[in-house]
Amino acid sequence: MKKIVIFASGSGTNAQAILDHFKDSDQVQVSLILSNNPHAGVLDRAKKAQVEGLSFNKFAFAKAGSIHKLLQELQPDLIVLAGFLWKIPEFLVQEFPDKIINIHPALLPKYGGKGMYGAHVHEAVVANKETESGITIHYVNEHYDEGAIIKQASCEVKSTDTAEDVAHKIHQLEHQNLPITIEELLK
């Protein structure tokens, strides 16, 4: 059985798409959902799906902290950042090479880097009058949004679109593409 660990900071819609996709799988399971936000909706989603969900602080995220120990014990086949807002420590990137992926709400390398997440990305796309946006699923390395690209999917941005309109289109792309990409990576 292949094991997935999901890191998320917010409501967890991408985590839910992953949970739904693999709920009846006999080959892949979501083993653990972790959040840096004790009030994150993703923890409620974990509970409803009967998947262990834990929140943690910066101390637990440090080398030899409880999260590091959990990951060492579990040895996940894939760690998925699904709306997780903290940078992954370099020691984890090195310990789990090519096993940590992120989904970014833009077509990297555009609109990537520190501070470029969620609504900030969509507002920048609209402000710059882009005609296209999309998602990038990429491996995580030591730098924000600079890991090797696994998959991109795009959507049209109309001149009348608001940041909220773009966000809606991006969420659809995320929910369609992330679970399938995970499945392909775990084959």
C-alpha atoms as a PDB file:
ATOM      1  CA  MET A   1       0.000   0.000   0.000  1.00  0.00           C
ATOM      2  CA  LYS A   2       1.405   3.382  -1.042  1.00  0.00           C
ATOM      3  CA  LYS A   3       1.155   6.059   1.664  1.00  0.00           C
ATOM      4  CA  ILE A   4       0.429   9.756   1.172  1.00  0.00           C
ATOM      5  CA  VAL A   5       0.917  12.487   3.779  1.00  0.00           C
ATOM      6  CA  ILE A   6      -0.845  15.785   3.112  1.00  0.00           C
ATOM      7  CA  PHE A   7       0.257  19.132   4.544  1.00  0.00           C
ATOM      8  CA  ALA A   8      -2.367  21.911   4.402  1.00  0.00           C
ATOM      9  CA  SER A   9      -2.963  25.230   6.152  1.00  0.00           C
ATOM     10  CA  GLY A  10      -6.560  26.048   5.289  1.00  0.00           C
ATOM     11  CA  SER A  11      -9.952  24.607   4.437  1.00  0.00           C
ATOM     12  CA  GLY A  12      -8.518  21.617   2.623  1.00  0.00           C
ATOM     13  CA  THR A  13     -10.448  21.462  -0.647  1.00  0.00           C
ATOM     14  CA  ASN A  14      -7.432  19.976  -2.434  1.00  0.00           C
ATOM     15  CA  ALA A  15      -6.960  17.491   0.410  1.00  0.00           C
ATOM     16  CA  GLN A  16     -10.636  16.561   0.015  1.00  0.00           C
ATOM     17  CA  ALA A  17     -10.153  15.975  -3.710  1.00  0.00           C
ATOM     18  CA  ILE A  18      -7.272  13.628  -2.876  1.00  0.00           C
ATOM     19  CA  LEU A  19      -9.267  11.860  -0.145  1.00  0.00           C
ATOM     20  CA  ASP A  20     -12.206  11.384  -2.515  1.00  0.00           C
ATOM     21  CA  HIS A  21     -10.028  10.114  -5.340  1.00  0.00           C
ATOM     22  CA  PHE A  22      -8.320   7.429  -3.238  1.00  0.00           C
ATOM     23  CA  LYS A  23     -11.125   6.516  -0.794  1.00  0.00           C
ATOM     24  CA  ASP A  24     -11.799   3.119  -2.384  1.00  0.00           C
ATOM     25  CA  SER A  25      -8.241   2.385  -3.507  1.00  0.00           C
ATOM     26  CA  ASP A  26      -6.533  -0.787  -2.386  1.00  0.00           C
ATOM     27  CA  GLN A  27      -3.176   0.544  -3.605  1.00  0.00           C
ATOM     28  CA  VAL A  28      -2.969   4.098  -2.234  1.00  0.00           C
ATOM     29  CA  GLN A  29      -4.091   5.601   1.060  1.00  0.00           C
ATOM     30  CA  VAL A  30      -3.912   8.991   2.699  1.00  0.00           C
ATOM     31  CA  SER A  31      -2.191   8.031   5.949  1.00  0.00           C
ATOM     32  CA  LEU A  32      -1.877  11.391   7.664  1.00  0.00           C
ATOM     33  CA  ILE A  33      -2.985  15.019   7.296  1.00  0.00           C
ATOM     34  CA  LEU A  34      -0.863  17.673   8.973  1.00  0.00           C
ATOM     35  CA  SER A  35      -1.580  21.361   9.462  1.00  0.00           C
ATOM     36  CA  ASN A  36       0.272  24.303  10.931  1.00  0.00           C
ATOM     37  CA  ASN A  37      -3.135  25.791  11.790  1.00  0.00           C
ATOM     38  CA  PRO A  38      -5.015  24.132  14.668  1.00  0.00           C
ATOM     39  CA  HIS A  39      -8.284  25.661  13.403  1.00  0.00           C
ATOM     40  CA  ALA A  40      -7.849  24.622   9.756  1.00  0.00           C
ATOM     41  CA  GLY A  41     -10.866  23.088   8.079  1.00  0.00           C
ATOM     42  CA  VAL A  42      -8.611  20.384   6.642  1.00  0.00           C
ATOM     43  CA  LEU A  43      -8.454  18.810  10.120  1.00  0.00           C
ATOM     44  CA  ASP A  44     -12.246  18.469  10.130  1.00  0.00           C
ATOM     45  CA  ARG A  45     -12.035  16.845   6.700  1.00  0.00           C
ATOM     46  CA  ALA A  46      -9.442  14.390   8.039  1.00  0.00           C
ATOM     47  CA  LYS A  47     -11.695  13.468  10.952  1.00  0.00           C
ATOM     48  CA  LYS A  48     -14.703  12.889   8.668  1.00  0.00           C
ATOM     49  CA  ALA A  49     -12.558  10.683   6.421  1.00  0.00           C
ATOM     50  CA  GLN A  50     -11.237   8.787   9.458  1.00  0.00           C
ATOM     51  CA  VAL A  51      -7.660   9.799   8.641  1.00  0.00           C
ATOM     52  CA  GLU A  52      -5.335  10.880  11.406  1.00  0.00           C
ATOM     53  CA  GLY A  53      -5.059  14.671  11.418  1.00  0.00           C
ATOM     54  CA  LEU A  54      -2.640  16.677  13.540  1.00  0.00           C
ATOM     55  CA  SER A  55      -1.735  20.307  13.965  1.00  0.00           C
ATOM     56  CA  PHE A  56       1.759  21.395  14.859  1.00  0.00           C
ATOM     57  CA  ASN A  57       3.886  24.436  15.638  1.00  0.00           C
ATOM     58  CA  LYS A  58       7.308  25.536  14.387  1.00  0.00           C
ATOM     59  CA  PHE A  59       9.098  23.594  17.132  1.00  0.00           C
ATOM     60  CA  ALA A  60       7.469  20.340  16.049  1.00  0.00           C
ATOM     61  CA  PHE A  61       8.508  21.109  12.457  1.00  0.00           C
ATOM     62  CA  ALA A  62      12.195  21.456  13.329  1.00  0.00           C
ATOM     63  CA  LYS A  63      14.807  18.759  12.808  1.00  0.00           C
ATOM     64  CA  ALA A  64      14.263  15.982  15.351  1.00  0.00           C
ATOM     65  CA  GLY A  65      10.836  17.497  16.139  1.00  0.00           C
ATOM     66  CA  SER A  66       7.686  15.418  16.360  1.00  0.00           C
ATOM     67  CA  ILE A  67       6.741  15.929  12.685  1.00  0.00           C
ATOM     68  CA  HIS A  68      10.181  14.806  11.548  1.00  0.00           C
ATOM     69  CA  LYS A  69       9.901  11.711  13.740  1.00  0.00           C
ATOM     70  CA  LEU A  70       6.408  10.938  12.439  1.00  0.00           C
ATOM     71  CA  LEU A  71       7.575  11.143   8.836  1.00  0.00           C
ATOM     72  CA  GLN A  72      10.608   8.967   9.578  1.00  0.00           C
ATOM     73  CA  GLU A  73       8.376   6.316  11.147  1.00  0.00           C
ATOM     74  CA  LEU A  74       5.714   6.447   8.440  1.00  0.00           C
ATOM     75  CA  GLN A  75       8.108   6.649   5.468  1.00  0.00           C
ATOM     76  CA  PRO A  76       5.462   8.028   3.092  1.00  0.00           C
ATOM     77  CA  ASP A  77       5.731   7.341  -0.618  1.00  0.00           C
ATOM     78  CA  LEU A  78       4.612  10.907  -1.320  1.00  0.00           C
ATOM     79  CA  ILE A  79       4.227  14.102   0.701  1.00  0.00           C
ATOM     80  CA  VAL A  80       1.723  16.495  -0.872  1.00  0.00           C
ATOM     81  CA  LEU A  81       1.630  20.196  -0.037  1.00  0.00           C
ATOM     82  CA  ALA A  82      -1.967  21.178  -0.712  1.00  0.00           C
ATOM     83  CA  GLY A  83      -2.270  24.799   0.296  1.00  0.00           C
ATOM     84  CA  PHE A  84       0.492  24.606   2.895  1.00  0.00           C
ATOM     85  CA  LEU A  85       1.945  28.033   3.602  1.00  0.00           C
ATOM     86  CA  TRP A  86       5.233  27.264   5.346  1.00  0.00           C
ATOM     87  CA  LYS A  87       8.507  26.573   3.622  1.00  0.00           C
ATOM     88  CA  ILE A  88       9.613  22.947   3.914  1.00  0.00           C
ATOM     89  CA  PRO A  89      12.893  22.711   5.861  1.00  0.00           C
ATOM     90  CA  GLU A  90      15.918  21.749   3.807  1.00  0.00           C
ATOM     91  CA  PHE A  91      16.577  18.639   5.919  1.00  0.00           C
ATOM     92  CA  LEU A  92      13.143  17.232   4.942  1.00  0.00           C
ATOM     93  CA  VAL A  93      13.721  18.002   1.262  1.00  0.00           C
ATOM     94  CA  GLN A  94      17.016  16.106   1.474  1.00  0.00           C
ATOM     95  CA  GLU A  95      15.550  13.231   3.487  1.00  0.00           C
ATOM     96  CA  PHE A  96      12.629  12.753   1.068  1.00  0.00           C
ATOM     97  CA  PRO A  97      14.134  13.545  -2.360  1.00  0.00           C
ATOM     98  CA  ASP A  98      11.563  13.618  -5.175  1.00  0.00           C
ATOM     99  CA  LYS A  99       8.872  12.612  -2.682  1.00  0.00           C
ATOM    100  CA  ILE A 100       7.537  16.082  -1.800  1.00  0.00           C
ATOM    101  CA  ILE A 101       5.276  17.856  -4.285  1.00  0.00           C
ATOM    102  CA  ASN A 102       3.425  21.154  -4.204  1.00  0.00           C
ATOM    103  CA  ILE A 103       0.520  22.569  -6.132  1.00  0.00           C
ATOM    104  CA  HIS A 104       0.876  26.255  -6.999  1.00  0.00           C
ATOM    105  CA  PRO A 105      -2.034  28.385  -8.286  1.00  0.00           C
ATOM    106  CA  ALA A 106      -0.168  29.887 -11.258  1.00  0.00           C
ATOM    107  CA  LEU A 107       1.875  28.890 -14.269  1.00  0.00           C
ATOM    108  CA  LEU A 108       5.363  28.942 -12.809  1.00  0.00           C
ATOM    109  CA  PRO A 109       7.788  30.592 -13.083  1.00  0.00           C
ATOM    110  CA  LYS A 110       5.269  33.458 -13.213  1.00  0.00           C
ATOM    111  CA  TYR A 111       3.754  34.515  -9.885  1.00  0.00           C
ATOM    112  CA  GLY A 112       5.858  32.244  -7.712  1.00  0.00           C
ATOM    113  CA  GLY A 113       8.035  32.813  -4.683  1.00  0.00           C
ATOM    114  CA  LYS A 114       7.608  33.990  -1.138  1.00  0.00           C
ATOM    115  CA  GLY A 115       4.278  35.694  -0.510  1.00  0.00           C
ATOM    116  CA  MET A 116       2.742  34.471  -3.763  1.00  0.00           C
ATOM    117  CA  TYR A 117      -0.091  32.219  -2.656  1.00  0.00           C
ATOM    118  CA  GLY A 118      -3.875  32.122  -2.908  1.00  0.00           C
ATOM    119  CA  ALA A 119      -5.617  35.417  -3.530  1.00  0.00           C
ATOM    120  CA  HIS A 120      -2.285  37.270  -3.856  1.00  0.00           C
ATOM    121  CA  VAL A 121      -1.553  35.293  -7.022  1.00  0.00           C
ATOM    122  CA  HIS A 122      -5.003  35.798  -8.561  1.00  0.00           C
ATOM    123  CA  GLU A 123      -4.991  39.540  -7.776  1.00  0.00           C
ATOM    124  CA  ALA A 124      -1.591  39.889  -9.477  1.00  0.00           C
ATOM    125  CA  VAL A 125      -2.794  37.936 -12.531  1.00  0.00           C
ATOM    126  CA  VAL A 126      -5.828  40.237 -12.916  1.00  0.00           C
ATOM    127  CA  ALA A 127      -3.846  43.425 -12.182  1.00  0.00           C
ATOM    128  CA  ASN A 128      -1.313  42.511 -14.874  1.00  0.00           C
ATOM    129  CA  LYS A 129      -4.099  41.819 -17.386  1.00  0.00           C
ATOM    130  CA  GLU A 130      -2.907  38.273 -18.070  1.00  0.00           C
ATOM    131  CA  THR A 131      -4.956  36.331 -20.602  1.00  0.00           C
ATOM    132  CA  GLU A 132      -4.008  32.959 -19.140  1.00  0.00           C
ATOM    133  CA  SER A 133      -3.354  31.463 -15.736  1.00  0.00           C
ATOM    134  CA  GLY A 134      -3.294  27.959 -14.381  1.00  0.00           C
ATOM    135  CA  ILE A 135      -1.690  25.561 -11.958  1.00  0.00           C
ATOM    136  CA  THR A 136       1.729  24.035 -11.574  1.00  0.00           C
ATOM    137  CA  ILE A 137       2.398  20.780  -9.773  1.00  0.00           C
ATOM    138  CA  HIS A 138       6.094  20.606  -8.978  1.00  0.00           C
ATOM    139  CA  TYR A 139       8.662  18.903  -6.808  1.00  0.00           C
ATOM    140  CA  VAL A 140       9.707  20.824  -3.720  1.00  0.00           C
ATOM    141  CA  ASN A 141      13.304  21.913  -3.333  1.00  0.00           C
ATOM    142  CA  GLU A 142      15.051  24.348  -0.982  1.00  0.00           C
ATOM    143  CA  HIS A 143      13.497  27.425  -2.657  1.00  0.00           C
ATOM    144  CA  TYR A 144       9.891  28.582  -2.936  1.00  0.00           C
ATOM    145  CA  ASP A 145       8.267  27.372  -6.165  1.00  0.00           C
ATOM    146  CA  GLU A 146      11.517  26.518  -7.962  1.00  0.00           C
ATOM    147  CA  GLY A 147      11.421  22.700  -8.007  1.00  0.00           C
ATOM    148  CA  ALA A 148      11.156  20.702 -11.222  1.00  0.00           C
ATOM    149  CA  ILE A 149       7.754  20.988 -12.863  1.00  0.00           C
ATOM    150  CA  ILE A 150       5.719  17.786 -13.026  1.00  0.00           C
ATOM    151  CA  LYS A 151       2.569  19.099 -14.693  1.00  0.00           C
ATOM    152  CA  GLN A 152       0.882  22.354 -15.672  1.00  0.00           C
ATOM    153  CA  ALA A 153      -2.706  23.037 -16.704  1.00  0.00           C
ATOM    154  CA  SER A 154      -4.034  26.357 -17.908  1.00  0.00           C
ATOM    155  CA  CYS A 155      -7.241  28.322 -18.188  1.00  0.00           C
ATOM    156  CA  GLU A 156      -8.307  31.486 -19.953  1.00  0.00           C
ATOM    157  CA  VAL A 157      -8.477  34.726 -18.018  1.00  0.00           C
ATOM    158  CA  LYS A 158     -11.029  37.077 -19.537  1.00  0.00           C
ATOM    159  CA  SER A 159     -10.682  40.844 -19.314  1.00  0.00           C
ATOM    160  CA  THR A 160     -13.875  40.893 -17.227  1.00  0.00           C
ATOM    161  CA  ASP A 161     -12.643  38.271 -14.719  1.00  0.00           C
ATOM    162  CA  THR A 162     -12.139  39.271 -11.118  1.00  0.00           C
ATOM    163  CA  ALA A 163      -9.552  37.663  -8.844  1.00  0.00           C
ATOM    164  CA  GLU A 164     -12.409  35.566  -7.420  1.00  0.00           C
ATOM    165  CA  ASP A 165     -13.350  34.370 -10.933  1.00  0.00           C
ATOM    166  CA  VAL A 166      -9.748  33.337 -11.537  1.00  0.00           C
ATOM    167  CA  ALA A 167      -9.618  31.596  -8.150  1.00  0.00           C
ATOM    168  CA  HIS A 168     -12.699  29.560  -9.070  1.00  0.00           C
ATOM    169  CA  LYS A 169     -11.145  28.445 -12.363  1.00  0.00           C
ATOM    170  CA  ILE A 170      -7.875  27.578 -10.615  1.00  0.00           C
ATOM    171  CA  HIS A 171      -9.640  25.510  -7.936  1.00  0.00           C
ATOM    172  CA  GLN A 172     -11.351  23.473 -10.654  1.00  0.00           C
ATOM    173  CA  LEU A 173      -7.997  22.804 -12.332  1.00  0.00           C
ATOM    174  CA  GLU A 174      -6.439  21.841  -8.993  1.00  0.00           C
ATOM    175  CA  HIS A 175      -9.203  19.396  -8.082  1.00  0.00           C
ATOM    176  CA  GLN A 176      -9.136  17.806 -11.553  1.00  0.00           C
ATOM    177  CA  ASN A 177      -5.370  17.493 -11.908  1.00  0.00           C
ATOM    178  CA  LEU A 178      -3.791  16.969  -8.484  1.00  0.00           C
ATOM    179  CA  PRO A 179      -5.288  13.539  -7.626  1.00  0.00           C
ATOM    180  CA  ILE A 180      -4.564  12.168 -11.108  1.00  0.00           C
ATOM    181  CA  THR A 181      -0.985  13.439 -11.005  1.00  0.00           C
ATOM    182  CA  ILE A 182      -0.475  11.846  -7.584  1.00  0.00           C
ATOM    183  CA  GLU A 183      -1.807   8.554  -8.930  1.00  0.00           C
ATOM    184  CA  GLU A 184       0.605   8.728 -11.888  1.00  0.00           C
ATOM    185  CA  LEU A 185       3.570   9.495  -9.624  1.00  0.00           C
ATOM    186  CA  LEU A 186       2.778   6.504  -7.388  1.00  0.00           C
ATOM    187  CA  LYS A 187       2.601   3.932 -10.204  1.00  0.00           C
END
